[in-house]
């Protein structure tokens, strides 16, 4: 019984910390796809901003999410995958307690900057 109580307390604290982070930071999420609309799995997404560089990779459906970003309009986001040209989007704005959607469509060829 004591173990169950300790587990429940730890679960509640962990959930509370997750909720607090959502209230003091923002999330950048989206999908990386090819020109035909097919998701690109394992694409590397790099977010460069006031906190330095944060990276993640896309899942099997091309989705990515970067959490814990401070509010700013100074983010630069780069998506890249083998066989595709990298794409960079500048001046991306992240707001606190918001999920910002930023999709990418990667082409074969030269790097694009938007």
PDB file of N, CA and C in Angstrom:
ATOM      1  N   UNK A   1       0.818  -1.186   0.000  1.00  0.00           N
ATOM      2  CA  UNK A   1       0.000   0.000   0.000  1.00  0.00           C
ATOM      3  C   UNK A   1       0.869   1.260   0.000  1.00  0.00           C
ATOM      4  N   UNK A   2       1.958   1.200   0.762  1.00  0.00           N
ATOM      5  CA  UNK A   2       2.849   2.352   0.844  1.00  0.00           C
ATOM      6  C   UNK A   2       3.509   2.620  -0.518  1.00  0.00           C
ATOM      7  N   UNK A   3       3.859   1.563  -1.224  1.00  0.00           N
ATOM      8  CA  UNK A   3       4.469   1.718  -2.548  1.00  0.00           C
ATOM      9  C   UNK A   3       3.502   2.373  -3.530  1.00  0.00           C
ATOM     10  N   UNK A   4       2.253   1.989  -3.445  1.00  0.00           N
ATOM     11  CA  UNK A   4       1.240   2.580  -4.317  1.00  0.00           C
ATOM     12  C   UNK A   4       1.099   4.066  -4.030  1.00  0.00           C
ATOM     13  N   UNK A   5       1.110   4.448  -2.769  1.00  0.00           N
ATOM     14  CA  UNK A   5       1.014   5.847  -2.389  1.00  0.00           C
ATOM     15  C   UNK A   5       2.207   6.633  -2.926  1.00  0.00           C
ATOM     16  N   UNK A   6       3.414   6.099  -2.745  1.00  0.00           N
ATOM     17  CA  UNK A   6       4.626   6.769  -3.243  1.00  0.00           C
ATOM     18  C   UNK A   6       4.559   6.908  -4.765  1.00  0.00           C
ATOM     19  N   UNK A   7       4.123   5.875  -5.452  1.00  0.00           N
ATOM     20  CA  UNK A   7       3.989   5.924  -6.906  1.00  0.00           C
ATOM     21  C   UNK A   7       3.005   7.015  -7.332  1.00  0.00           C
ATOM     22  N   UNK A   8       1.873   7.090  -6.669  1.00  0.00           N
ATOM     23  CA  UNK A   8       0.855   8.086  -7.009  1.00  0.00           C
ATOM     24  C   UNK A   8       1.374   9.508  -6.775  1.00  0.00           C
ATOM     25  N   UNK A   9       2.117   9.706  -5.683  1.00  0.00           N
ATOM     26  CA  UNK A   9       2.689  11.025  -5.396  1.00  0.00           C
ATOM     27  C   UNK A   9       3.688  11.403  -6.486  1.00  0.00           C
ATOM     28  N   UNK A  10       4.572  10.481  -6.847  1.00  0.00           N
ATOM     29  CA  UNK A  10       5.557  10.763  -7.888  1.00  0.00           C
ATOM     30  C   UNK A  10       4.888  11.037  -9.226  1.00  0.00           C
ATOM     31  N   UNK A  11       3.860  10.311  -9.544  1.00  0.00           N
ATOM     32  CA  UNK A  11       3.114  10.524 -10.778  1.00  0.00           C
ATOM     33  C   UNK A  11       2.479  11.910 -10.787  1.00  0.00           C
ATOM     34  N   UNK A  12       1.886  12.320  -9.684  1.00  0.00           N
ATOM     35  CA  UNK A  12       1.247  13.638  -9.588  1.00  0.00           C
ATOM     36  C   UNK A  12       2.272  14.757  -9.710  1.00  0.00           C
ATOM     37  N   UNK A  13       3.413  14.603  -9.062  1.00  0.00           N
ATOM     38  CA  UNK A  13       4.471  15.615  -9.144  1.00  0.00           C
ATOM     39  C   UNK A  13       4.990  15.721 -10.571  1.00  0.00           C
ATOM     40  N   UNK A  14       5.231  14.599 -11.207  1.00  0.00           N
ATOM     41  CA  UNK A  14       5.707  14.602 -12.595  1.00  0.00           C
ATOM     42  C   UNK A  14       4.713  15.251 -13.535  1.00  0.00           C
ATOM     43  N   UNK A  15       3.430  14.954 -13.360  1.00  0.00           N
ATOM     44  CA  UNK A  15       2.394  15.559 -14.186  1.00  0.00           C
ATOM     45  C   UNK A  15       2.343  17.064 -13.961  1.00  0.00           C
ATOM     46  N   UNK A  16       2.468  17.482 -12.715  1.00  0.00           N
ATOM     47  CA  UNK A  16       2.453  18.907 -12.391  1.00  0.00           C
ATOM     48  C   UNK A  16       3.617  19.643 -13.012  1.00  0.00           C
ATOM     49  N   UNK A  17       4.790  19.014 -13.009  1.00  0.00           N
ATOM     50  CA  UNK A  17       5.964  19.643 -13.610  1.00  0.00           C
ATOM     51  C   UNK A  17       5.788  19.782 -15.112  1.00  0.00           C
ATOM     52  N   UNK A  18       5.199  18.789 -15.752  1.00  0.00           N
ATOM     53  CA  UNK A  18       4.941  18.855 -17.186  1.00  0.00           C
ATOM     54  C   UNK A  18       3.982  19.999 -17.482  1.00  0.00           C
ATOM     55  N   UNK A  19       2.935  20.126 -16.697  1.00  0.00           N
ATOM     56  CA  UNK A  19       1.964  21.203 -16.898  1.00  0.00           C
ATOM     57  C   UNK A  19       2.606  22.561 -16.670  1.00  0.00           C
ATOM     58  N   UNK A  20       3.466  22.694 -15.672  1.00  0.00           N
ATOM     59  CA  UNK A  20       4.133  23.970 -15.400  1.00  0.00           C
ATOM     60  C   UNK A  20       5.019  24.372 -16.556  1.00  0.00           C
ATOM     61  N   UNK A  21       5.709  23.410 -17.160  1.00  0.00           N
ATOM     62  CA  UNK A  21       6.570  23.716 -18.291  1.00  0.00           C
ATOM     63  C   UNK A  21       5.746  24.248 -19.455  1.00  0.00           C
ATOM     64  N   UNK A  22       4.583  23.674 -19.701  1.00  0.00           N
ATOM     65  CA  UNK A  22       3.709  24.133 -20.776  1.00  0.00           C
ATOM     66  C   UNK A  22       3.288  25.580 -20.556  1.00  0.00           C
ATOM     67  N   UNK A  23       3.151  26.018 -19.287  1.00  0.00           N
ATOM     68  CA  UNK A  23       2.699  27.372 -18.996  1.00  0.00           C
ATOM     69  C   UNK A  23       3.807  28.406 -19.114  1.00  0.00           C
ATOM     70  N   UNK A  24       5.049  27.981 -19.090  1.00  0.00           N
ATOM     71  CA  UNK A  24       6.168  28.931 -19.129  1.00  0.00           C
ATOM     72  C   UNK A  24       7.009  28.811 -20.388  1.00  0.00           C
ATOM     73  N   UNK A  25       6.581  27.962 -21.321  1.00  0.00           N
ATOM     74  CA  UNK A  25       7.344  27.780 -22.547  1.00  0.00           C
ATOM     75  C   UNK A  25       6.390  27.421 -23.679  1.00  0.00           C
ATOM     76  N   UNK A  26       6.931  27.343 -24.873  1.00  0.00           N
ATOM     77  CA  UNK A  26       6.132  26.981 -26.036  1.00  0.00           C
ATOM     78  C   UNK A  26       6.669  25.736 -26.706  1.00  0.00           C
ATOM     79  N   UNK A  27       5.900  25.226 -27.646  1.00  0.00           N
ATOM     80  CA  UNK A  27       6.273  24.023 -28.392  1.00  0.00           C
ATOM     81  C   UNK A  27       6.231  24.329 -29.883  1.00  0.00           C
ATOM     82  N   UNK A  28       7.218  23.837 -30.590  1.00  0.00           N
ATOM     83  CA  UNK A  28       7.243  23.916 -32.050  1.00  0.00           C
ATOM     84  C   UNK A  28       7.017  22.507 -32.565  1.00  0.00           C
ATOM     85  N   UNK A  29       6.034  22.352 -33.462  1.00  0.00           N
ATOM     86  CA  UNK A  29       5.750  21.026 -33.994  1.00  0.00           C
ATOM     87  C   UNK A  29       5.309  21.140 -35.443  1.00  0.00           C
ATOM     88  N   UNK A  30       5.404  20.023 -36.135  1.00  0.00           N
ATOM     89  CA  UNK A  30       4.989  20.012 -37.527  1.00  0.00           C
ATOM     90  C   UNK A  30       5.280  18.684 -38.177  1.00  0.00           C
ATOM     91  N   UNK A  31       5.210  18.684 -39.497  1.00  0.00           N
ATOM     92  CA  UNK A  31       5.443  17.490 -40.303  1.00  0.00           C
ATOM     93  C   UNK A  31       6.474  17.828 -41.364  1.00  0.00           C
ATOM     94  N   UNK A  32       7.388  16.904 -41.600  1.00  0.00           N
ATOM     95  CA  UNK A  32       8.347  17.035 -42.694  1.00  0.00           C
ATOM     96  C   UNK A  32       7.931  16.036 -43.765  1.00  0.00           C
ATOM     97  N   UNK A  33       7.726  16.539 -44.972  1.00  0.00           N
ATOM     98  CA  UNK A  33       7.266  15.686 -46.069  1.00  0.00           C
ATOM     99  C   UNK A  33       8.034  16.005 -47.347  1.00  0.00           C
ATOM    100  N   UNK A  34       7.872  15.117 -48.340  1.00  0.00           N
ATOM    101  CA  UNK A  34       8.500  15.367 -49.639  1.00  0.00           C
ATOM    102  C   UNK A  34       7.518  16.115 -50.539  1.00  0.00           C
ATOM    103  N   UNK A  35       7.947  16.369 -51.776  1.00  0.00           N
ATOM    104  CA  UNK A  35       7.142  17.147 -52.725  1.00  0.00           C
ATOM    105  C   UNK A  35       5.797  16.495 -53.032  1.00  0.00           C
ATOM    106  N   UNK A  36       5.696  15.182 -52.875  1.00  0.00           N
ATOM    107  CA  UNK A  36       4.451  14.467 -53.158  1.00  0.00           C
ATOM    108  C   UNK A  36       3.556  14.340 -51.929  1.00  0.00           C
ATOM    109  N   UNK A  37       3.983  14.915 -50.817  1.00  0.00           N
ATOM    110  CA  UNK A  37       3.185  14.840 -49.594  1.00  0.00           C
ATOM    111  C   UNK A  37       3.443  13.613 -48.747  1.00  0.00           C
ATOM    112  N   UNK A  38       4.466  12.845 -49.081  1.00  0.00           N
ATOM    113  CA  UNK A  38       4.817  11.653 -48.304  1.00  0.00           C
ATOM    114  C   UNK A  38       5.661  12.055 -47.095  1.00  0.00           C
ATOM    115  N   UNK A  39       5.375  11.505 -45.930  1.00  0.00           N
ATOM    116  CA  UNK A  39       6.157  11.862 -44.741  1.00  0.00           C
ATOM    117  C   UNK A  39       7.597  11.374 -44.870  1.00  0.00           C
ATOM    118  N   UNK A  40       8.507  12.129 -44.307  1.00  0.00           N
ATOM    119  CA  UNK A  40       9.921  11.754 -44.285  1.00  0.00           C
ATOM    120  C   UNK A  40      10.281  11.387 -42.851  1.00  0.00           C
ATOM    121  N   UNK A  41      10.515  10.110 -42.627  1.00  0.00           N
ATOM    122  CA  UNK A  41      10.906   9.624 -41.297  1.00  0.00           C
ATOM    123  C   UNK A  41      12.384   9.895 -41.060  1.00  0.00           C
ATOM    124  N   UNK A  42      12.747  10.090 -39.822  1.00  0.00           N
ATOM    125  CA  UNK A  42      14.135  10.295 -39.384  1.00  0.00           C
ATOM    126  C   UNK A  42      14.788  11.546 -39.960  1.00  0.00           C
ATOM    127  N   UNK A  43      13.984  12.532 -40.372  1.00  0.00           N
ATOM    128  CA  UNK A  43      14.541  13.828 -40.782  1.00  0.00           C
ATOM    129  C   UNK A  43      15.034  14.534 -39.517  1.00  0.00           C
ATOM    130  N   UNK A  44      16.108  15.267 -39.648  1.00  0.00           N
ATOM    131  CA  UNK A  44      16.667  16.015 -38.524  1.00  0.00           C
ATOM    132  C   UNK A  44      16.097  17.427 -38.549  1.00  0.00           C
ATOM    133  N   UNK A  45      15.517  17.855 -37.427  1.00  0.00           N
ATOM    134  CA  UNK A  45      14.984  19.209 -37.286  1.00  0.00           C
ATOM    135  C   UNK A  45      15.796  19.903 -36.198  1.00  0.00           C
ATOM    136  N   UNK A  46      16.414  21.045 -36.558  1.00  0.00           N
ATOM    137  CA  UNK A  46      17.238  21.808 -35.618  1.00  0.00           C
ATOM    138  C   UNK A  46      16.594  23.160 -35.377  1.00  0.00           C
ATOM    139  N   UNK A  47      16.459  23.532 -34.120  1.00  0.00           N
ATOM    140  CA  UNK A  47      15.886  24.815 -33.737  1.00  0.00           C
ATOM    141  C   UNK A  47      16.997  25.631 -33.100  1.00  0.00           C
ATOM    142  N   UNK A  48      17.317  26.768 -33.724  1.00  0.00           N
ATOM    143  CA  UNK A  48      18.395  27.629 -33.243  1.00  0.00           C
ATOM    144  C   UNK A  48      17.760  28.911 -32.722  1.00  0.00           C
ATOM    145  N   UNK A  49      18.053  29.260 -31.471  1.00  0.00           N
ATOM    146  CA  UNK A  49      17.445  30.453 -30.891  1.00  0.00           C
ATOM    147  C   UNK A  49      18.135  30.882 -29.623  1.00  0.00           C
ATOM    148  N   UNK A  50      17.431  31.652 -28.798  1.00  0.00           N
ATOM    149  CA  UNK A  50      18.015  32.211 -27.574  1.00  0.00           C
ATOM    150  C   UNK A  50      18.569  31.159 -26.611  1.00  0.00           C
ATOM    151  N   UNK A  51      18.085  29.934 -26.672  1.00  0.00           N
ATOM    152  CA  UNK A  51      18.547  28.874 -25.776  1.00  0.00           C
ATOM    153  C   UNK A  51      19.645  28.023 -26.399  1.00  0.00           C
ATOM    154  N   UNK A  52      20.120  28.406 -27.565  1.00  0.00           N
ATOM    155  CA  UNK A  52      21.114  27.609 -28.264  1.00  0.00           C
ATOM    156  C   UNK A  52      20.447  26.752 -29.317  1.00  0.00           C
ATOM    157  N   UNK A  53      20.941  25.534 -29.506  1.00  0.00           N
ATOM    158  CA  UNK A  53      20.408  24.635 -30.526  1.00  0.00           C
ATOM    159  C   UNK A  53      19.729  23.444 -29.854  1.00  0.00           C
ATOM    160  N   UNK A  54      18.504  23.156 -30.296  1.00  0.00           N
ATOM    161  CA  UNK A  54      17.790  21.945 -29.871  1.00  0.00           C
ATOM    162  C   UNK A  54      17.481  21.159 -31.131  1.00  0.00           C
ATOM    163  N   UNK A  55      17.678  19.845 -31.076  1.00  0.00           N
ATOM    164  CA  UNK A  55      17.422  19.013 -32.249  1.00  0.00           C
ATOM    165  C   UNK A  55      16.493  17.858 -31.901  1.00  0.00           C
ATOM    166  N   UNK A  56      15.822  17.369 -32.917  1.00  0.00           N
ATOM    167  CA  UNK A  56      14.974  16.197 -32.796  1.00  0.00           C
ATOM    168  C   UNK A  56      14.892  15.537 -34.163  1.00  0.00           C
ATOM    169  N   UNK A  57      14.365  14.335 -34.207  1.00  0.00           N
ATOM    170  CA  UNK A  57      14.134  13.659 -35.479  1.00  0.00           C
ATOM    171  C   UNK A  57      12.648  13.352 -35.622  1.00  0.00           C
ATOM    172  N   UNK A  58      12.216  13.226 -36.865  1.00  0.00           N
ATOM    173  CA  UNK A  58      10.812  12.945 -37.127  1.00  0.00           C
ATOM    174  C   UNK A  58      10.505  11.464 -36.898  1.00  0.00           C
ATOM    175  N   UNK A  59       9.241  11.197 -36.587  1.00  0.00           N
ATOM    176  CA  UNK A  59       8.803   9.817 -36.400  1.00  0.00           C
ATOM    177  C   UNK A  59       8.440   9.201 -37.755  1.00  0.00           C
ATOM    178  N   UNK A  60       7.851   8.035 -37.754  1.00  0.00           N
ATOM    179  CA  UNK A  60       7.528   7.329 -39.003  1.00  0.00           C
ATOM    180  C   UNK A  60       6.482   8.060 -39.845  1.00  0.00           C
ATOM    181  N   UNK A  61       5.744   8.988 -39.224  1.00  0.00           N
ATOM    182  CA  UNK A  61       4.749   9.777 -39.960  1.00  0.00           C
ATOM    183  C   UNK A  61       5.259  11.165 -40.302  1.00  0.00           C
ATOM    184  N   UNK A  62       6.561  11.392 -40.106  1.00  0.00           N
ATOM    185  CA  UNK A  62       7.173  12.672 -40.437  1.00  0.00           C
ATOM    186  C   UNK A  62       6.948  13.761 -39.402  1.00  0.00           C
ATOM    187  N   UNK A  63       6.363  13.423 -38.250  1.00  0.00           N
ATOM    188  CA  UNK A  63       6.045  14.419 -37.232  1.00  0.00           C
ATOM    189  C   UNK A  63       7.239  14.681 -36.314  1.00  0.00           C
ATOM    190  N   UNK A  64       7.324  15.931 -35.853  1.00  0.00           N
ATOM    191  CA  UNK A  64       8.343  16.300 -34.879  1.00  0.00           C
ATOM    192  C   UNK A  64       7.733  17.264 -33.868  1.00  0.00           C
ATOM    193  N   UNK A  65       8.367  17.377 -32.717  1.00  0.00           N
ATOM    194  CA  UNK A  65       7.962  18.338 -31.689  1.00  0.00           C
ATOM    195  C   UNK A  65       9.193  18.709 -30.872  1.00  0.00           C
ATOM    196  N   UNK A  66       9.356  20.014 -30.643  1.00  0.00           N
ATOM    197  CA  UNK A  66      10.425  20.519 -29.788  1.00  0.00           C
ATOM    198  C   UNK A  66       9.736  21.323 -28.693  1.00  0.00           C
ATOM    199  N   UNK A  67       9.858  20.852 -27.463  1.00  0.00           N
ATOM    200  CA  UNK A  67       9.182  21.471 -26.322  1.00  0.00           C
ATOM    201  C   UNK A  67      10.160  22.305 -25.502  1.00  0.00           C
ATOM    202  N   UNK A  68       9.618  23.117 -24.619  1.00  0.00           N
ATOM    203  CA  UNK A  68      10.446  23.874 -23.681  1.00  0.00           C
ATOM    204  C   UNK A  68      11.137  25.077 -24.285  1.00  0.00           C
ATOM    205  N   UNK A  69      10.562  25.666 -25.339  1.00  0.00           N
ATOM    206  CA  UNK A  69      11.171  26.839 -25.976  1.00  0.00           C
ATOM    207  C   UNK A  69      10.635  28.115 -25.329  1.00  0.00           C
ATOM    208  N   UNK A  70      11.520  29.068 -25.076  1.00  0.00           N
ATOM    209  CA  UNK A  70      11.078  30.339 -24.515  1.00  0.00           C
ATOM    210  C   UNK A  70      10.448  31.183 -25.619  1.00  0.00           C
ATOM    211  N   UNK A  71       9.598  32.102 -25.223  1.00  0.00           N
ATOM    212  CA  UNK A  71       8.941  32.968 -26.192  1.00  0.00           C
ATOM    213  C   UNK A  71       9.944  33.882 -26.883  1.00  0.00           C
ATOM    214  N   UNK A  72       9.923  33.889 -28.208  1.00  0.00           N
ATOM    215  CA  UNK A  72      10.833  34.730 -28.994  1.00  0.00           C
ATOM    216  C   UNK A  72      10.424  34.672 -30.459  1.00  0.00           C
ATOM    217  N   UNK A  73      10.795  35.704 -31.206  1.00  0.00           N
ATOM    218  CA  UNK A  73      10.558  35.702 -32.654  1.00  0.00           C
ATOM    219  C   UNK A  73      11.875  35.552 -33.408  1.00  0.00           C
ATOM    220  N   UNK A  74      12.905  35.081 -32.719  1.00  0.00           N
ATOM    221  CA  UNK A  74      14.245  35.007 -33.295  1.00  0.00           C
ATOM    222  C   UNK A  74      14.698  33.592 -33.618  1.00  0.00           C
ATOM    223  N   UNK A  75      13.782  32.650 -33.715  1.00  0.00           N
ATOM    224  CA  UNK A  75      14.186  31.280 -33.989  1.00  0.00           C
ATOM    225  C   UNK A  75      14.442  31.056 -35.469  1.00  0.00           C
ATOM    226  N   UNK A  76      15.433  30.223 -35.744  1.00  0.00           N
ATOM    227  CA  UNK A  76      15.718  29.731 -37.091  1.00  0.00           C
ATOM    228  C   UNK A  76      15.572  28.216 -37.010  1.00  0.00           C
ATOM    229  N   UNK A  77      14.830  27.632 -37.949  1.00  0.00           N
ATOM    230  CA  UNK A  77      14.564  26.203 -37.905  1.00  0.00           C
ATOM    231  C   UNK A  77      15.016  25.577 -39.213  1.00  0.00           C
ATOM    232  N   UNK A  78      15.755  24.483 -39.095  1.00  0.00           N
ATOM    233  CA  UNK A  78      16.308  23.792 -40.263  1.00  0.00           C
ATOM    234  C   UNK A  78      15.823  22.346 -40.254  1.00  0.00           C
ATOM    235  N   UNK A  79      15.338  21.887 -41.412  1.00  0.00           N
ATOM    236  CA  UNK A  79      14.944  20.486 -41.575  1.00  0.00           C
ATOM    237  C   UNK A  79      15.798  19.894 -42.678  1.00  0.00           C
ATOM    238  N   UNK A  80      16.306  18.687 -42.452  1.00  0.00           N
ATOM    239  CA  UNK A  80      17.156  18.034 -43.444  1.00  0.00           C
ATOM    240  C   UNK A  80      17.012  16.523 -43.343  1.00  0.00           C
ATOM    241  N   UNK A  81      17.229  15.876 -44.465  1.00  0.00           N
ATOM    242  CA  UNK A  81      17.155  14.415 -44.521  1.00  0.00           C
ATOM    243  C   UNK A  81      18.042  13.946 -45.662  1.00  0.00           C
ATOM    244  N   UNK A  82      18.635  12.761 -45.532  1.00  0.00           N
ATOM    245  CA  UNK A  82      19.465  12.223 -46.621  1.00  0.00           C
ATOM    246  C   UNK A  82      18.667  12.127 -47.922  1.00  0.00           C
ATOM    247  N   UNK A  83      19.275  12.608 -49.006  1.00  0.00           N
ATOM    248  CA  UNK A  83      18.630  12.564 -50.312  1.00  0.00           C
ATOM    249  C   UNK A  83      17.764  13.771 -50.609  1.00  0.00           C
ATOM    250  N   UNK A  84      17.647  14.688 -49.652  1.00  0.00           N
ATOM    251  CA  UNK A  84      16.830  15.893 -49.826  1.00  0.00           C
ATOM    252  C   UNK A  84      17.666  17.124 -49.495  1.00  0.00           C
ATOM    253  N   UNK A  85      17.315  18.240 -50.092  1.00  0.00           N
ATOM    254  CA  UNK A  85      17.964  19.503 -49.757  1.00  0.00           C
ATOM    255  C   UNK A  85      17.419  19.995 -48.430  1.00  0.00           C
ATOM    256  N   UNK A  86      18.283  20.580 -47.625  1.00  0.00           N
ATOM    257  CA  UNK A  86      17.847  21.151 -46.353  1.00  0.00           C
ATOM    258  C   UNK A  86      16.995  22.386 -46.627  1.00  0.00           C
ATOM    259  N   UNK A  87      16.097  22.675 -45.718  1.00  0.00           N
ATOM    260  CA  UNK A  87      15.275  23.879 -45.805  1.00  0.00           C
ATOM    261  C   UNK A  87      15.386  24.615 -44.489  1.00  0.00           C
ATOM    262  N   UNK A  88      15.563  25.923 -44.562  1.00  0.00           N
ATOM    263  CA  UNK A  88      15.711  26.757 -43.375  1.00  0.00           C
ATOM    264  C   UNK A  88      14.603  27.809 -43.370  1.00  0.00           C
ATOM    265  N   UNK A  89      13.952  27.948 -42.231  1.00  0.00           N
ATOM    266  CA  UNK A  89      12.958  29.012 -42.063  1.00  0.00           C
ATOM    267  C   UNK A  89      13.437  29.912 -40.935  1.00  0.00           C
ATOM    268  N   UNK A  90      13.540  31.207 -41.240  1.00  0.00           N
ATOM    269  CA  UNK A  90      14.039  32.193 -40.282  1.00  0.00           C
ATOM    270  C   UNK A  90      12.893  32.987 -39.673  1.00  0.00           C
ATOM    271  N   UNK A  91      13.218  33.683 -38.580  1.00  0.00           N
ATOM    272  CA  UNK A  91      12.276  34.555 -37.882  1.00  0.00           C
ATOM    273  C   UNK A  91      10.988  33.831 -37.495  1.00  0.00           C
ATOM    274  N   UNK A  92      11.142  32.616 -36.999  1.00  0.00           N
ATOM    275  CA  UNK A  92      10.002  31.833 -36.524  1.00  0.00           C
ATOM    276  C   UNK A  92       9.669  32.300 -35.109  1.00  0.00           C
ATOM    277  N   UNK A  93       8.401  32.588 -34.871  1.00  0.00           N
ATOM    278  CA  UNK A  93       7.950  33.071 -33.558  1.00  0.00           C
ATOM    279  C   UNK A  93       7.368  31.932 -32.731  1.00  0.00           C
ATOM    280  N   UNK A  94       7.821  31.863 -31.485  1.00  0.00           N
ATOM    281  CA  UNK A  94       7.286  30.901 -30.519  1.00  0.00           C
ATOM    282  C   UNK A  94       6.685  31.707 -29.381  1.00  0.00           C
ATOM    283  N   UNK A  95       5.465  31.376 -29.010  1.00  0.00           N
ATOM    284  CA  UNK A  95       4.788  32.045 -27.900  1.00  0.00           C
ATOM    285  C   UNK A  95       4.653  31.078 -26.733  1.00  0.00           C
ATOM    286  N   UNK A  96       4.648  31.624 -25.536  1.00  0.00           N
ATOM    287  CA  UNK A  96       4.488  30.831 -24.320  1.00  0.00           C
ATOM    288  C   UNK A  96       3.100  30.204 -24.301  1.00  0.00           C
ATOM    289  N   UNK A  97       3.036  28.965 -23.834  1.00  0.00           N
ATOM    290  CA  UNK A  97       1.792  28.215 -23.678  1.00  0.00           C
ATOM    291  C   UNK A  97       1.068  28.027 -25.011  1.00  0.00           C
ATOM    292  N   UNK A  98       1.852  27.887 -26.090  1.00  0.00           N
ATOM    293  CA  UNK A  98       1.286  27.736 -27.430  1.00  0.00           C
ATOM    294  C   UNK A  98       2.044  26.654 -28.186  1.00  0.00           C
ATOM    295  N   UNK A  99       1.313  25.960 -29.054  1.00  0.00           N
ATOM    296  CA  UNK A  99       1.919  24.987 -29.955  1.00  0.00           C
ATOM    297  C   UNK A  99       1.961  25.622 -31.339  1.00  0.00           C
ATOM    298  N   UNK A 100       3.148  25.973 -31.791  1.00  0.00           N
ATOM    299  CA  UNK A 100       3.326  26.605 -33.096  1.00  0.00           C
ATOM    300  C   UNK A 100       3.537  25.521 -34.142  1.00  0.00           C
ATOM    301  N   UNK A 101       2.743  25.556 -35.204  1.00  0.00           N
ATOM    302  CA  UNK A 101       2.853  24.587 -36.298  1.00  0.00           C
ATOM    303  C   UNK A 101       3.807  25.125 -37.363  1.00  0.00           C
ATOM    304  N   UNK A 102       4.781  24.309 -37.756  1.00  0.00           N
ATOM    305  CA  UNK A 102       5.731  24.700 -38.797  1.00  0.00           C
ATOM    306  C   UNK A 102       6.022  23.479 -39.667  1.00  0.00           C
ATOM    307  N   UNK A 103       5.276  23.316 -40.766  1.00  0.00           N
ATOM    308  CA  UNK A 103       5.516  22.184 -41.661  1.00  0.00           C
ATOM    309  C   UNK A 103       6.684  22.475 -42.611  1.00  0.00           C
ATOM    310  N   UNK A 104       7.307  21.418 -43.091  1.00  0.00           N
ATOM    311  CA  UNK A 104       8.386  21.522 -44.068  1.00  0.00           C
ATOM    312  C   UNK A 104       8.092  20.595 -45.243  1.00  0.00           C
ATOM    313  N   UNK A 105       8.380  21.070 -46.445  1.00  0.00           N
ATOM    314  CA  UNK A 105       8.356  20.239 -47.647  1.00  0.00           C
ATOM    315  C   UNK A 105       9.754  20.268 -48.226  1.00  0.00           C
ATOM    316  N   UNK A 106      10.441  19.137 -48.207  1.00  0.00           N
ATOM    317  CA  UNK A 106      11.818  19.065 -48.682  1.00  0.00           C
ATOM    318  C   UNK A 106      11.860  18.642 -50.147  1.00  0.00           C
ATOM    319  N   UNK A 107      12.716  19.306 -50.893  1.00  0.00           N
ATOM    320  CA  UNK A 107      12.912  19.034 -52.311  1.00  0.00           C
ATOM    321  C   UNK A 107      14.316  18.491 -52.544  1.00  0.00           C
ATOM    322  N   UNK A 108      14.484  17.857 -53.661  1.00  0.00           N
ATOM    323  CA  UNK A 108      15.843  17.484 -54.066  1.00  0.00           C
ATOM    324  C   UNK A 108      16.445  18.705 -54.743  1.00  0.00           C
ATOM    325  N   UNK A 109      17.685  19.033 -54.405  1.00  0.00           N
ATOM    326  CA  UNK A 109      18.309  20.208 -55.011  1.00  0.00           C
ATOM    327  C   UNK A 109      19.062  21.028 -53.987  1.00  0.00           C
ATOM    328  N   UNK A 110      19.071  22.343 -54.191  1.00  0.00           N
ATOM    329  CA  UNK A 110      19.832  23.242 -53.339  1.00  0.00           C
ATOM    330  C   UNK A 110      19.062  23.597 -52.074  1.00  0.00           C
ATOM    331  N   UNK A 111      19.784  24.082 -51.068  1.00  0.00           N
ATOM    332  CA  UNK A 111      19.182  24.493 -49.812  1.00  0.00           C
ATOM    333  C   UNK A 111      18.343  25.743 -50.024  1.00  0.00           C
ATOM    334  N   UNK A 112      17.162  25.789 -49.406  1.00  0.00           N
ATOM    335  CA  UNK A 112      16.289  26.951 -49.485  1.00  0.00           C
ATOM    336  C   UNK A 112      16.286  27.670 -48.159  1.00  0.00           C
ATOM    337  N   UNK A 113      16.245  29.014 -48.198  1.00  0.00           N
ATOM    338  CA  UNK A 113      16.071  29.797 -46.973  1.00  0.00           C
ATOM    339  C   UNK A 113      14.873  30.682 -47.161  1.00  0.00           C
ATOM    340  N   UNK A 114      13.942  30.607 -46.223  1.00  0.00           N
ATOM    341  CA  UNK A 114      12.694  31.370 -46.312  1.00  0.00           C
ATOM    342  C   UNK A 114      12.718  32.486 -45.296  1.00  0.00           C
TER     343      UNK A 114
END
